[in-house]
Amino acid sequence: DELLEQTRPGVRVKVPLGRSNREMLGYCIAVETVQQPPGALKPV
């Protein structure tokens, strides 16, 4: 919720990746509503 306004297509983000949750730098290409409970996805 605290990152909703900042997360837009074209910005860089840091996200956890894999079982070890290593920090990766990625690029946001879209923001959408998905049919997944919040606990199903790792957070930005």
Full PDB file with SEQRES, HELIX, SHEET, SSBOND, CRYST1, ORIGX, SCALE, CONECT and MASTER records, all heavy atoms in Angstrom:
SEQRES   1 A   44  ASP GLU LEU LEU GLU GLN THR ARG PRO GLY VAL ARG VAL          
SEQRES   2 A   44  LYS VAL PRO LEU GLY ARG SER ASN ARG GLU MET LEU GLY          
SEQRES   3 A   44  TYR CYS ILE ALA VAL GLU THR VAL GLN GLN PRO PRO GLY          
SEQRES   4 A   44  ALA LEU LYS PRO VAL                                          
HELIX    1 AA1 PRO A   38  ALA A   40  5                                   3    
SHEET    1 AA1 2 ARG A  12  LEU A  17  0                                        
SHEET    2 AA1 2 ARG A  22  TYR A  27 -1                                        
CRYST1    1.000    1.000    1.000  90.00  90.00  90.00 P 1           1          
ORIGX1      1.000000  0.000000  0.000000        0.00000                         
ORIGX2      0.000000  1.000000  0.000000        0.00000                         
ORIGX3      0.000000  0.000000  1.000000        0.00000                         
SCALE1      1.000000  0.000000  0.000000        0.00000                         
SCALE2      0.000000  1.000000  0.000000        0.00000                         
SCALE3      0.000000  0.000000  1.000000        0.00000                         
ATOM      1  N   ASP A   1       0.814  -1.219   0.000  1.00  0.00           N  
ATOM      2  CA  ASP A   1       0.000   0.000   0.000  1.00  0.00           C  
ATOM      3  C   ASP A   1       0.846   1.267   0.000  1.00  0.00           C  
ATOM      4  O   ASP A   1       0.523   2.244  -0.680  1.00  0.00           O  
ATOM      5  CB  ASP A   1      -0.937   0.007   1.218  1.00  0.00           C  
ATOM      6  CG  ASP A   1      -2.014  -1.063   1.117  1.00  0.00           C  
ATOM      7  OD1 ASP A   1      -2.232  -1.559  -0.010  1.00  0.00           O  
ATOM      8  OD2 ASP A   1      -2.615  -1.417   2.145  1.00  0.00           O  
ATOM      9  N   GLU A   2       1.966   1.248   0.738  1.00  0.00           N  
ATOM     10  CA  GLU A   2       2.789   2.460   0.852  1.00  0.00           C  
ATOM     11  C   GLU A   2       3.563   2.762  -0.437  1.00  0.00           C  
ATOM     12  O   GLU A   2       4.114   3.859  -0.600  1.00  0.00           O  
ATOM     13  CB  GLU A   2       3.762   2.353   2.034  1.00  0.00           C  
ATOM     14  CG  GLU A   2       4.781   1.231   1.928  1.00  0.00           C  
ATOM     15  CD  GLU A   2       4.302  -0.099   2.497  1.00  0.00           C  
ATOM     16  OE1 GLU A   2       3.072  -0.255   2.679  1.00  0.00           O  
ATOM     17  OE2 GLU A   2       5.157  -0.964   2.754  1.00  0.00           O  
ATOM     18  N   LEU A   3       3.619   1.800  -1.364  1.00  0.00           N  
ATOM     19  CA  LEU A   3       4.348   2.011  -2.622  1.00  0.00           C  
ATOM     20  C   LEU A   3       3.418   2.120  -3.827  1.00  0.00           C  
ATOM     21  O   LEU A   3       3.893   2.178  -4.964  1.00  0.00           O  
ATOM     22  CB  LEU A   3       5.355   0.878  -2.855  1.00  0.00           C  
ATOM     23  CG  LEU A   3       6.492   0.741  -1.843  1.00  0.00           C  
ATOM     24  CD1 LEU A   3       7.392  -0.430  -2.212  1.00  0.00           C  
ATOM     25  CD2 LEU A   3       7.315   2.024  -1.769  1.00  0.00           C  
ATOM     26  N   LEU A   4       2.103   2.142  -3.600  1.00  0.00           N  
ATOM     27  CA  LEU A   4       1.157   2.156  -4.718  1.00  0.00           C  
ATOM     28  C   LEU A   4       1.334   3.369  -5.618  1.00  0.00           C  
ATOM     29  O   LEU A   4       1.306   3.258  -6.843  1.00  0.00           O  
ATOM     30  CB  LEU A   4      -0.283   2.117  -4.185  1.00  0.00           C  
ATOM     31  CG  LEU A   4      -0.874   0.726  -3.936  1.00  0.00           C  
ATOM     32  CD1 LEU A   4      -2.229   0.831  -3.269  1.00  0.00           C  
ATOM     33  CD2 LEU A   4      -0.980  -0.060  -5.240  1.00  0.00           C  
ATOM     34  N   GLU A   5       1.519   4.554  -5.036  1.00  0.00           N  
ATOM     35  CA  GLU A   5       1.656   5.767  -5.846  1.00  0.00           C  
ATOM     36  C   GLU A   5       2.984   5.819  -6.578  1.00  0.00           C  
ATOM     37  O   GLU A   5       3.075   6.365  -7.681  1.00  0.00           O  
ATOM     38  CB  GLU A   5       1.506   7.008  -4.964  1.00  0.00           C  
ATOM     39  CG  GLU A   5       0.086   7.235  -4.456  1.00  0.00           C  
ATOM     40  CD  GLU A   5      -0.049   8.558  -3.721  1.00  0.00           C  
ATOM     41  OE1 GLU A   5       0.929   9.339  -3.725  1.00  0.00           O  
ATOM     42  OE2 GLU A   5      -1.117   8.801  -3.148  1.00  0.00           O  
ATOM     43  N   GLN A   6       4.036   5.260  -5.982  1.00  0.00           N  
ATOM     44  CA  GLN A   6       5.377   5.337  -6.576  1.00  0.00           C  
ATOM     45  C   GLN A   6       5.595   4.310  -7.677  1.00  0.00           C  
ATOM     46  O   GLN A   6       6.424   4.517  -8.569  1.00  0.00           O  
ATOM     47  CB  GLN A   6       6.435   5.129  -5.496  1.00  0.00           C  
ATOM     48  CG  GLN A   6       6.374   6.126  -4.351  1.00  0.00           C  
ATOM     49  CD  GLN A   6       7.322   5.735  -3.239  1.00  0.00           C  
ATOM     50  OE1 GLN A   6       8.464   5.355  -3.474  1.00  0.00           O  
ATOM     51  NE2 GLN A   6       6.852   5.809  -2.001  1.00  0.00           N  
ATOM     52  N   THR A   7       4.886   3.178  -7.615  1.00  0.00           N  
ATOM     53  CA  THR A   7       5.121   2.090  -8.570  1.00  0.00           C  
ATOM     54  C   THR A   7       4.355   2.362  -9.852  1.00  0.00           C  
ATOM     55  O   THR A   7       3.129   2.247  -9.906  1.00  0.00           O  
ATOM     56  CB  THR A   7       4.699   0.743  -7.966  1.00  0.00           C  
ATOM     57  OG1 THR A   7       5.311   0.583  -6.683  1.00  0.00           O  
ATOM     58  CG2 THR A   7       5.121  -0.399  -8.865  1.00  0.00           C  
ATOM     59  N   ARG A   8       5.092   2.743 -10.898  1.00  0.00           N  
ATOM     60  CA  ARG A   8       4.494   3.060 -12.188  1.00  0.00           C  
ATOM     61  C   ARG A   8       5.317   2.410 -13.296  1.00  0.00           C  
ATOM     62  O   ARG A   8       6.507   2.143 -13.120  1.00  0.00           O  
ATOM     63  CB  ARG A   8       4.461   4.578 -12.399  1.00  0.00           C  
ATOM     64  CG  ARG A   8       3.501   5.300 -11.475  1.00  0.00           C  
ATOM     65  CD  ARG A   8       3.515   6.795 -11.723  1.00  0.00           C  
ATOM     66  NE  ARG A   8       4.688   7.439 -11.149  1.00  0.00           N  
ATOM     67  CZ  ARG A   8       5.037   8.693 -11.378  1.00  0.00           C  
ATOM     68  NH1 ARG A   8       4.327   9.424 -12.217  1.00  0.00           N  
ATOM     69  NH2 ARG A   8       6.097   9.214 -10.804  1.00  0.00           N  
ATOM     70  N   PRO A   9       4.719   2.175 -14.473  1.00  0.00           N  
ATOM     71  CA  PRO A   9       5.498   1.635 -15.590  1.00  0.00           C  
ATOM     72  C   PRO A   9       6.669   2.553 -15.940  1.00  0.00           C  
ATOM     73  O   PRO A   9       6.501   3.762 -16.061  1.00  0.00           O  
ATOM     74  CB  PRO A   9       4.478   1.572 -16.734  1.00  0.00           C  
ATOM     75  CG  PRO A   9       3.160   1.453 -16.050  1.00  0.00           C  
ATOM     76  CD  PRO A   9       3.288   2.273 -14.800  1.00  0.00           C  
ATOM     77  N   GLY A  10       7.874   1.965 -16.075  1.00  0.00           N  
ATOM     78  CA  GLY A  10       9.055   2.740 -16.424  1.00  0.00           C  
ATOM     79  C   GLY A  10       9.981   3.036 -15.273  1.00  0.00           C  
ATOM     80  O   GLY A  10      11.060   3.589 -15.488  1.00  0.00           O  
ATOM     81  N   VAL A  11       9.612   2.657 -14.030  1.00  0.00           N  
ATOM     82  CA  VAL A  11      10.503   2.885 -12.888  1.00  0.00           C  
ATOM     83  C   VAL A  11      11.281   1.607 -12.580  1.00  0.00           C  
ATOM     84  O   VAL A  11      10.863   0.508 -12.921  1.00  0.00           O  
ATOM     85  CB  VAL A  11       9.742   3.358 -11.623  1.00  0.00           C  
ATOM     86  CG1 VAL A  11       9.007   4.651 -11.890  1.00  0.00           C  
ATOM     87  CG2 VAL A  11       8.780   2.277 -11.125  1.00  0.00           C  
ATOM     88  N   ARG A  12      12.423   1.783 -11.909  1.00  0.00           N  
ATOM     89  CA  ARG A  12      13.209   0.640 -11.447  1.00  0.00           C  
ATOM     90  C   ARG A  12      12.771   0.265 -10.032  1.00  0.00           C  
ATOM     91  O   ARG A  12      12.427   1.138  -9.230  1.00  0.00           O  
ATOM     92  CB  ARG A  12      14.702   0.966 -11.450  1.00  0.00           C  
ATOM     93  CG  ARG A  12      15.277   1.238 -12.824  1.00  0.00           C  
ATOM     94  CD  ARG A  12      16.684   1.776 -12.721  1.00  0.00           C  
ATOM     95  NE  ARG A  12      16.695   2.987 -11.905  1.00  0.00           N  
ATOM     96  CZ  ARG A  12      17.730   3.404 -11.198  1.00  0.00           C  
ATOM     97  NH1 ARG A  12      18.850   2.723 -11.205  1.00  0.00           N  
ATOM     98  NH2 ARG A  12      17.661   4.512 -10.492  1.00  0.00           N  
ATOM     99  N   VAL A  13      12.792  -1.027  -9.754  1.00  0.00           N  
ATOM    100  CA  VAL A  13      12.389  -1.509  -8.430  1.00  0.00           C  
ATOM    101  C   VAL A  13      13.379  -2.562  -7.952  1.00  0.00           C  
ATOM    102  O   VAL A  13      14.108  -3.160  -8.749  1.00  0.00           O  
ATOM    103  CB  VAL A  13      10.968  -2.122  -8.453  1.00  0.00           C  
ATOM    104  CG1 VAL A  13       9.927  -1.081  -8.808  1.00  0.00           C  
ATOM    105  CG2 VAL A  13      10.900  -3.289  -9.433  1.00  0.00           C  
ATOM    106  N   LYS A  14      13.397  -2.767  -6.634  1.00  0.00           N  
ATOM    107  CA  LYS A  14      14.127  -3.877  -6.047  1.00  0.00           C  
ATOM    108  C   LYS A  14      13.111  -4.881  -5.533  1.00  0.00           C  
ATOM    109  O   LYS A  14      12.140  -4.506  -4.857  1.00  0.00           O  
ATOM    110  CB  LYS A  14      15.027  -3.400  -4.908  1.00  0.00           C  
ATOM    111  CG  LYS A  14      16.269  -2.667  -5.376  1.00  0.00           C  
ATOM    112  CD  LYS A  14      17.188  -2.311  -4.219  1.00  0.00           C  
ATOM    113  CE  LYS A  14      18.445  -1.595  -4.717  1.00  0.00           C  
ATOM    114  NZ  LYS A  14      19.325  -1.199  -3.589  1.00  0.00           N  
ATOM    115  N   VAL A  15      13.332  -6.148  -5.892  1.00  0.00           N  
ATOM    116  CA  VAL A  15      12.383  -7.199  -5.519  1.00  0.00           C  
ATOM    117  C   VAL A  15      13.148  -8.436  -5.052  1.00  0.00           C  
ATOM    118  O   VAL A  15      14.292  -8.665  -5.452  1.00  0.00           O  
ATOM    119  CB  VAL A  15      11.478  -7.583  -6.712  1.00  0.00           C  
ATOM    120  CG1 VAL A  15      10.565  -6.443  -7.099  1.00  0.00           C  
ATOM    121  CG2 VAL A  15      12.311  -8.012  -7.919  1.00  0.00           C  
ATOM    122  N   PRO A  16      12.534  -9.271  -4.201  1.00  0.00           N  
ATOM    123  CA  PRO A  16      13.158 -10.532  -3.795  1.00  0.00           C  
ATOM    124  C   PRO A  16      12.928 -11.598  -4.862  1.00  0.00           C  
ATOM    125  O   PRO A  16      11.848 -11.681  -5.443  1.00  0.00           O  
ATOM    126  CB  PRO A  16      12.420 -10.874  -2.490  1.00  0.00           C  
ATOM    127  CG  PRO A  16      11.081 -10.220  -2.640  1.00  0.00           C  
ATOM    128  CD  PRO A  16      11.290  -8.995  -3.473  1.00  0.00           C  
ATOM    129  N   LEU A  17      13.948 -12.405  -5.123  1.00  0.00           N  
ATOM    130  CA  LEU A  17      13.841 -13.419  -6.172  1.00  0.00           C  
ATOM    131  C   LEU A  17      14.305 -14.771  -5.653  1.00  0.00           C  
ATOM    132  O   LEU A  17      15.340 -14.873  -4.984  1.00  0.00           O  
ATOM    133  CB  LEU A  17      14.690 -13.012  -7.382  1.00  0.00           C  
ATOM    134  CG  LEU A  17      14.593 -13.915  -8.617  1.00  0.00           C  
ATOM    135  CD1 LEU A  17      13.199 -13.835  -9.233  1.00  0.00           C  
ATOM    136  CD2 LEU A  17      15.630 -13.513  -9.659  1.00  0.00           C  
ATOM    137  N   GLY A  18      13.554 -15.811  -5.985  1.00  0.00           N  
ATOM    138  CA  GLY A  18      13.949 -17.183  -5.653  1.00  0.00           C  
ATOM    139  C   GLY A  18      13.716 -17.535  -4.196  1.00  0.00           C  
ATOM    140  O   GLY A  18      13.237 -16.745  -3.395  1.00  0.00           O  
ATOM    141  N   ARG A  19      14.077 -18.772  -3.871  1.00  0.00           N  
ATOM    142  CA  ARG A  19      13.878 -19.252  -2.495  1.00  0.00           C  
ATOM    143  C   ARG A  19      14.723 -18.482  -1.494  1.00  0.00           C  
ATOM    144  O   ARG A  19      14.338 -18.307  -0.347  1.00  0.00           O  
ATOM    145  CB  ARG A  19      14.214 -20.741  -2.426  1.00  0.00           C  
ATOM    146  CG  ARG A  19      13.211 -21.625  -3.155  1.00  0.00           C  
ATOM    147  CD  ARG A  19      13.507 -23.094  -2.930  1.00  0.00           C  
ATOM    148  NE  ARG A  19      12.512 -23.931  -3.588  1.00  0.00           N  
ATOM    149  CZ  ARG A  19      12.518 -25.248  -3.540  1.00  0.00           C  
ATOM    150  NH1 ARG A  19      13.486 -25.890  -2.869  1.00  0.00           N  
ATOM    151  NH2 ARG A  19      11.589 -25.941  -4.150  1.00  0.00           N  
ATOM    152  N   SER A  20      15.879 -18.022  -1.936  1.00  0.00           N  
ATOM    153  CA  SER A  20      16.758 -17.284  -1.021  1.00  0.00           C  
ATOM    154  C   SER A  20      16.350 -15.817  -0.887  1.00  0.00           C  
ATOM    155  O   SER A  20      16.917 -15.083  -0.090  1.00  0.00           O  
ATOM    156  CB  SER A  20      18.208 -17.358  -1.514  1.00  0.00           C  
ATOM    157  OG  SER A  20      18.320 -16.729  -2.792  1.00  0.00           O  
ATOM    158  N   ASN A  21      15.363 -15.390  -1.705  1.00  0.00           N  
ATOM    159  CA  ASN A  21      14.904 -13.993  -1.706  1.00  0.00           C  
ATOM    160  C   ASN A  21      16.045 -13.002  -1.926  1.00  0.00           C  
ATOM    161  O   ASN A  21      16.099 -11.938  -1.313  1.00  0.00           O  
ATOM    162  CB  ASN A  21      14.174 -13.653  -0.401  1.00  0.00           C  
ATOM    163  CG  ASN A  21      12.804 -14.288  -0.343  1.00  0.00           C  
ATOM    164  OD1 ASN A  21      12.158 -14.472  -1.361  1.00  0.00           O  
ATOM    165  ND2 ASN A  21      12.382 -14.654   0.853  1.00  0.00           N  
ATOM    166  N   ARG A  22      16.961 -13.372  -2.835  1.00  0.00           N  
ATOM    167  CA  ARG A  22      18.054 -12.437  -3.129  1.00  0.00           C  
ATOM    168  C   ARG A  22      17.486 -11.205  -3.818  1.00  0.00           C  
ATOM    169  O   ARG A  22      16.547 -11.269  -4.617  1.00  0.00           O  
ATOM    170  CB  ARG A  22      19.127 -13.096  -4.004  1.00  0.00           C  
ATOM    171  CG  ARG A  22      18.674 -13.521  -5.377  1.00  0.00           C  
ATOM    172  CD  ARG A  22      19.753 -14.373  -6.051  1.00  0.00           C  
ATOM    173  NE  ARG A  22      19.307 -14.908  -7.329  1.00  0.00           N  
ATOM    174  CZ  ARG A  22      19.612 -14.387  -8.503  1.00  0.00           C  
ATOM    175  NH1 ARG A  22      20.378 -13.309  -8.564  1.00  0.00           N  
ATOM    176  NH2 ARG A  22      19.166 -14.927  -9.619  1.00  0.00           N  
ATOM    177  N   GLU A  23      18.059 -10.072  -3.482  1.00  0.00           N  
ATOM    178  CA  GLU A  23      17.545  -8.796  -3.988  1.00  0.00           C  
ATOM    179  C   GLU A  23      17.967  -8.597  -5.437  1.00  0.00           C  
ATOM    180  O   GLU A  23      19.141  -8.704  -5.779  1.00  0.00           O  
ATOM    181  CB  GLU A  23      18.084  -7.659  -3.121  1.00  0.00           C  
ATOM    182  CG  GLU A  23      17.340  -6.355  -3.311  1.00  0.00           C  
ATOM    183  CD  GLU A  23      17.808  -5.292  -2.337  1.00  0.00           C  
ATOM    184  OE1 GLU A  23      18.961  -4.813  -2.509  1.00  0.00           O  
ATOM    185  OE2 GLU A  23      17.070  -4.956  -1.386  1.00  0.00           O  
ATOM    186  N   MET A  24      16.992  -8.316  -6.309  1.00  0.00           N  
ATOM    187  CA  MET A  24      17.255  -8.103  -7.731  1.00  0.00           C  
ATOM    188  C   MET A  24      16.699  -6.751  -8.158  1.00  0.00           C  
ATOM    189  O   MET A  24      15.660  -6.302  -7.671  1.00  0.00           O  
ATOM    190  CB  MET A  24      16.584  -9.201  -8.566  1.00  0.00           C  
ATOM    191  CG  MET A  24      17.292 -10.533  -8.525  1.00  0.00           C  
ATOM    192  SD  MET A  24      18.717 -10.578  -9.635  1.00  0.00           S  
ATOM    193  CE  MET A  24      17.921 -10.710 -11.231  1.00  0.00           C  
ATOM    194  N   LEU A  25      17.403  -6.121  -9.087  1.00  0.00           N  
ATOM    195  CA  LEU A  25      16.924  -4.870  -9.665  1.00  0.00           C  
ATOM    196  C   LEU A  25      16.153  -5.197 -10.933  1.00  0.00           C  
ATOM    197  O   LEU A  25      16.646  -5.915 -11.808  1.00  0.00           O  
ATOM    198  CB  LEU A  25      18.095  -3.942  -9.970  1.00  0.00           C  
ATOM    199  CG  LEU A  25      17.721  -2.521 -10.411  1.00  0.00           C  
ATOM    200  CD1 LEU A  25      18.756  -1.525  -9.917  1.00  0.00           C  
ATOM    201  CD2 LEU A  25      17.607  -2.411 -11.931  1.00  0.00           C  
ATOM    202  N   GLY A  26      14.944  -4.703 -11.033  1.00  0.00           N  
ATOM    203  CA  GLY A  26      14.113  -4.948 -12.205  1.00  0.00           C  
ATOM    204  C   GLY A  26      13.445  -3.680 -12.687  1.00  0.00           C  
ATOM    205  O   GLY A  26      13.566  -2.604 -12.082  1.00  0.00           O  
ATOM    206  N   TYR A  27      12.736  -3.801 -13.810  1.00  0.00           N  
ATOM    207  CA  TYR A  27      12.043  -2.678 -14.422  1.00  0.00           C  
ATOM    208  C   TYR A  27      10.552  -2.973 -14.464  1.00  0.00           C  
ATOM    209  O   TYR A  27      10.142  -4.030 -14.943  1.00  0.00           O  
ATOM    210  CB  TYR A  27      12.561  -2.430 -15.844  1.00  0.00           C  
ATOM    211  CG  TYR A  27      14.030  -2.096 -15.896  1.00  0.00           C  
ATOM    212  CD1 TYR A  27      14.994  -3.105 -16.009  1.00  0.00           C  
ATOM    213  CD2 TYR A  27      14.464  -0.778 -15.825  1.00  0.00           C  
ATOM    214  CE1 TYR A  27      16.347  -2.803 -16.045  1.00  0.00           C  
ATOM    215  CE2 TYR A  27      15.814  -0.471 -15.867  1.00  0.00           C  
ATOM    216  CZ  TYR A  27      16.748  -1.491 -15.975  1.00  0.00           C  
ATOM    217  OH  TYR A  27      18.091  -1.199 -16.006  1.00  0.00           O  
ATOM    218  N   CYS A  28       9.758  -2.042 -13.975  1.00  0.00           N  
ATOM    219  CA  CYS A  28       8.304  -2.207 -13.981  1.00  0.00           C  
ATOM    220  C   CYS A  28       7.782  -1.868 -15.374  1.00  0.00           C  
ATOM    221  O   CYS A  28       8.059  -0.785 -15.902  1.00  0.00           O  
ATOM    222  CB  CYS A  28       7.666  -1.315 -12.931  1.00  0.00           C  
ATOM    223  SG  CYS A  28       5.861  -1.360 -12.928  1.00  0.00           S  
ATOM    224  N   ILE A  29       7.014  -2.782 -15.976  1.00  0.00           N  
ATOM    225  CA  ILE A  29       6.469  -2.528 -17.316  1.00  0.00           C  
ATOM    226  C   ILE A  29       4.949  -2.385 -17.305  1.00  0.00           C  
ATOM    227  O   ILE A  29       4.368  -1.958 -18.292  1.00  0.00           O  
ATOM    228  CB  ILE A  29       6.885  -3.628 -18.311  1.00  0.00           C  
ATOM    229  CG1 ILE A  29       6.373  -5.000 -17.862  1.00  0.00           C  
ATOM    230  CG2 ILE A  29       8.394  -3.637 -18.504  1.00  0.00           C  
ATOM    231  CD1 ILE A  29       6.532  -6.076 -18.927  1.00  0.00           C  
ATOM    232  N   ALA A  30       4.310  -2.766 -16.191  1.00  0.00           N  
ATOM    233  CA  ALA A  30       2.853  -2.624 -16.109  1.00  0.00           C  
ATOM    234  C   ALA A  30       2.420  -2.738 -14.656  1.00  0.00           C  
ATOM    235  O   ALA A  30       3.094  -3.382 -13.845  1.00  0.00           O  
ATOM    236  CB  ALA A  30       2.155  -3.687 -16.953  1.00  0.00           C  
ATOM    237  N   VAL A  31       1.293  -2.115 -14.342  1.00  0.00           N  
ATOM    238  CA  VAL A  31       0.655  -2.232 -13.021  1.00  0.00           C  
ATOM    239  C   VAL A  31      -0.778  -2.660 -13.277  1.00  0.00           C  
ATOM    240  O   VAL A  31      -1.489  -2.022 -14.059  1.00  0.00           O  
ATOM    241  CB  VAL A  31       0.696  -0.899 -12.252  1.00  0.00           C  
ATOM    242  CG1 VAL A  31      -0.089  -1.006 -10.948  1.00  0.00           C  
ATOM    243  CG2 VAL A  31       2.126  -0.482 -11.965  1.00  0.00           C  
ATOM    244  N   GLU A  32      -1.196  -3.750 -12.643  1.00  0.00           N  
ATOM    245  CA  GLU A  32      -2.519  -4.295 -12.917  1.00  0.00           C  
ATOM    246  C   GLU A  32      -3.090  -4.980 -11.687  1.00  0.00           C  
ATOM    247  O   GLU A  32      -2.371  -5.231 -10.710  1.00  0.00           O  
ATOM    248  CB  GLU A  32      -2.439  -5.292 -14.082  1.00  0.00           C  
ATOM    249  CG  GLU A  32      -1.390  -6.380 -13.872  1.00  0.00           C  
ATOM    250  CD  GLU A  32      -1.011  -7.067 -15.172  1.00  0.00           C  
ATOM    251  OE1 GLU A  32      -1.896  -7.224 -16.032  1.00  0.00           O  
ATOM    252  OE2 GLU A  32       0.150  -7.471 -15.306  1.00  0.00           O  
ATOM    253  N   THR A  33      -4.373  -5.261 -11.747  1.00  0.00           N  
ATOM    254  CA  THR A  33      -5.042  -6.029 -10.688  1.00  0.00           C  
ATOM    255  C   THR A  33      -5.056  -7.491 -11.102  1.00  0.00           C  
ATOM    256  O   THR A  33      -5.512  -7.811 -12.216  1.00  0.00           O  
ATOM    257  CB  THR A  33      -6.478  -5.527 -10.471  1.00  0.00           C  
ATOM    258  OG1 THR A  33      -6.437  -4.152 -10.088  1.00  0.00           O  
ATOM    259  CG2 THR A  33      -7.172  -6.332  -9.382  1.00  0.00           C  
ATOM    260  N   VAL A  34      -4.525  -8.376 -10.278  1.00  0.00           N  
ATOM    261  CA  VAL A  34      -4.461  -9.804 -10.597  1.00  0.00           C  
ATOM    262  C   VAL A  34      -5.362 -10.576  -9.642  1.00  0.00           C  
ATOM    263  O   VAL A  34      -5.575 -10.183  -8.494  1.00  0.00           O  
ATOM    264  CB  VAL A  34      -3.007 -10.333 -10.518  1.00  0.00           C  
ATOM    265  CG1 VAL A  34      -2.146  -9.666 -11.566  1.00  0.00           C  
ATOM    266  CG2 VAL A  34      -2.418 -10.118  -9.134  1.00  0.00           C  
ATOM    267  N   GLN A  35      -5.888 -11.691 -10.139  1.00  0.00           N  
ATOM    268  CA  GLN A  35      -6.760 -12.545  -9.330  1.00  0.00           C  
ATOM    269  C   GLN A  35      -5.908 -13.485  -8.487  1.00  0.00           C  
ATOM    270  O   GLN A  35      -5.833 -14.678  -8.738  1.00  0.00           O  
ATOM    271  CB  GLN A  35      -7.711 -13.328 -10.241  1.00  0.00           C  
ATOM    272  CG  GLN A  35      -8.665 -12.465 -11.040  1.00  0.00           C  
ATOM    273  CD  GLN A  35      -9.591 -11.660 -10.141  1.00  0.00           C  
ATOM    274  OE1 GLN A  35     -10.096 -12.160  -9.141  1.00  0.00           O  
ATOM    275  NE2 GLN A  35      -9.804 -10.397 -10.489  1.00  0.00           N  
ATOM    276  N   GLN A  36      -5.224 -12.909  -7.526  1.00  0.00           N  
ATOM    277  CA  GLN A  36      -4.387 -13.673  -6.602  1.00  0.00           C  
ATOM    278  C   GLN A  36      -4.544 -13.073  -5.223  1.00  0.00           C  
ATOM    279  O   GLN A  36      -4.546 -11.844  -5.079  1.00  0.00           O  
ATOM    280  CB  GLN A  36      -2.904 -13.593  -7.013  1.00  0.00           C  
ATOM    281  CG  GLN A  36      -2.562 -14.324  -8.300  1.00  0.00           C  
ATOM    282  CD  GLN A  36      -2.277 -15.797  -8.054  1.00  0.00           C  
ATOM    283  OE1 GLN A  36      -2.626 -16.332  -7.005  1.00  0.00           O  
ATOM    284  NE2 GLN A  36      -1.655 -16.440  -9.003  1.00  0.00           N  
ATOM    285  N   PRO A  37      -4.701 -13.900  -4.196  1.00  0.00           N  
ATOM    286  CA  PRO A  37      -4.696 -13.354  -2.837  1.00  0.00           C  
ATOM    287  C   PRO A  37      -3.357 -12.674  -2.558  1.00  0.00           C  
ATOM    288  O   PRO A  37      -2.324 -13.081  -3.099  1.00  0.00           O  
ATOM    289  CB  PRO A  37      -4.893 -14.587  -1.949  1.00  0.00           C  
ATOM    290  CG  PRO A  37      -5.427 -15.635  -2.858  1.00  0.00           C  
ATOM    291  CD  PRO A  37      -4.887 -15.351  -4.216  1.00  0.00           C  
ATOM    292  N   PRO A  38      -3.337 -11.589  -1.766  1.00  0.00           N  
ATOM    293  CA  PRO A  38      -2.086 -10.852  -1.506  1.00  0.00           C  
ATOM    294  C   PRO A  38      -0.938 -11.735  -1.047  1.00  0.00           C  
ATOM    295  O   PRO A  38       0.209 -11.490  -1.403  1.00  0.00           O  
ATOM    296  CB  PRO A  38      -2.500  -9.848  -0.425  1.00  0.00           C  
ATOM    297  CG  PRO A  38      -3.958  -9.645  -0.639  1.00  0.00           C  
ATOM    298  CD  PRO A  38      -4.495 -10.966  -1.106  1.00  0.00           C  
ATOM    299  N   GLY A  39      -1.221 -12.789  -0.277  1.00  0.00           N  
ATOM    300  CA  GLY A  39      -0.142 -13.640   0.225  1.00  0.00           C  
ATOM    301  C   GLY A  39       0.498 -14.517  -0.821  1.00  0.00           C  
ATOM    302  O   GLY A  39       1.532 -15.144  -0.572  1.00  0.00           O  
ATOM    303  N   ALA A  40      -0.105 -14.572  -2.020  1.00  0.00           N  
ATOM    304  CA  ALA A  40       0.429 -15.456  -3.061  1.00  0.00           C  
ATOM    305  C   ALA A  40       1.646 -14.870  -3.759  1.00  0.00           C  
ATOM    306  O   ALA A  40       2.416 -15.593  -4.385  1.00  0.00           O  
ATOM    307  CB  ALA A  40      -0.660 -15.735  -4.100  1.00  0.00           C  
ATOM    308  N   LEU A  41       1.806 -13.555  -3.700  1.00  0.00           N  
ATOM    309  CA  LEU A  41       2.889 -12.891  -4.420  1.00  0.00           C  
ATOM    310  C   LEU A  41       3.859 -12.241  -3.443  1.00  0.00           C  
ATOM    311  O   LEU A  41       3.445 -11.694  -2.419  1.00  0.00           O  
ATOM    312  CB  LEU A  41       2.322 -11.814  -5.353  1.00  0.00           C  
ATOM    313  CG  LEU A  41       1.346 -12.270  -6.435  1.00  0.00           C  
ATOM    314  CD1 LEU A  41       0.797 -11.066  -7.182  1.00  0.00           C  
ATOM    315  CD2 LEU A  41       2.018 -13.233  -7.400  1.00  0.00           C  
ATOM    316  N   LYS A  42       5.127 -12.267  -3.810  1.00  0.00           N  
ATOM    317  CA  LYS A  42       6.125 -11.552  -3.008  1.00  0.00           C  
ATOM    318  C   LYS A  42       5.964 -10.054  -3.241  1.00  0.00           C  
ATOM    319  O   LYS A  42       5.569  -9.619  -4.337  1.00  0.00           O  
ATOM    320  CB  LYS A  42       7.538 -11.990  -3.406  1.00  0.00           C  
ATOM    321  CG  LYS A  42       7.851 -13.441  -3.054  1.00  0.00           C  
ATOM    322  CD  LYS A  42       9.260 -13.813  -3.462  1.00  0.00           C  
ATOM    323  CE  LYS A  42       9.558 -15.264  -3.097  1.00  0.00           C  
ATOM    324  NZ  LYS A  42      10.942 -15.644  -3.468  1.00  0.00           N  
ATOM    325  N   PRO A  43       6.288  -9.237  -2.237  1.00  0.00           N  
ATOM    326  CA  PRO A  43       6.070  -7.790  -2.379  1.00  0.00           C  
ATOM    327  C   PRO A  43       7.258  -7.082  -3.035  1.00  0.00           C  
ATOM    328  O   PRO A  43       8.410  -7.525  -2.937  1.00  0.00           O  
ATOM    329  CB  PRO A  43       5.906  -7.323  -0.936  1.00  0.00           C  
ATOM    330  CG  PRO A  43       6.776  -8.270  -0.154  1.00  0.00           C  
ATOM    331  CD  PRO A  43       6.688  -9.599  -0.862  1.00  0.00           C  
ATOM    332  N   VAL A  44       6.980  -5.970  -3.690  1.00  0.00           N  
ATOM    333  CA  VAL A  44       8.035  -5.058  -4.157  1.00  0.00           C  
ATOM    334  C   VAL A  44       8.724  -4.488  -2.918  1.00  0.00           C  
ATOM    335  O   VAL A  44       8.066  -4.007  -1.994  1.00  0.00           O  
ATOM    336  CB  VAL A  44       7.431  -3.925  -5.010  1.00  0.00           C  
ATOM    337  CG1 VAL A  44       8.482  -2.877  -5.336  1.00  0.00           C  
ATOM    338  CG2 VAL A  44       6.802  -4.479  -6.279  1.00  0.00           C  
TER     339      VAL A  44                                                      
MASTER        0    0    0    1    2    0    0    6  338    1    0    4          
END                                                                             
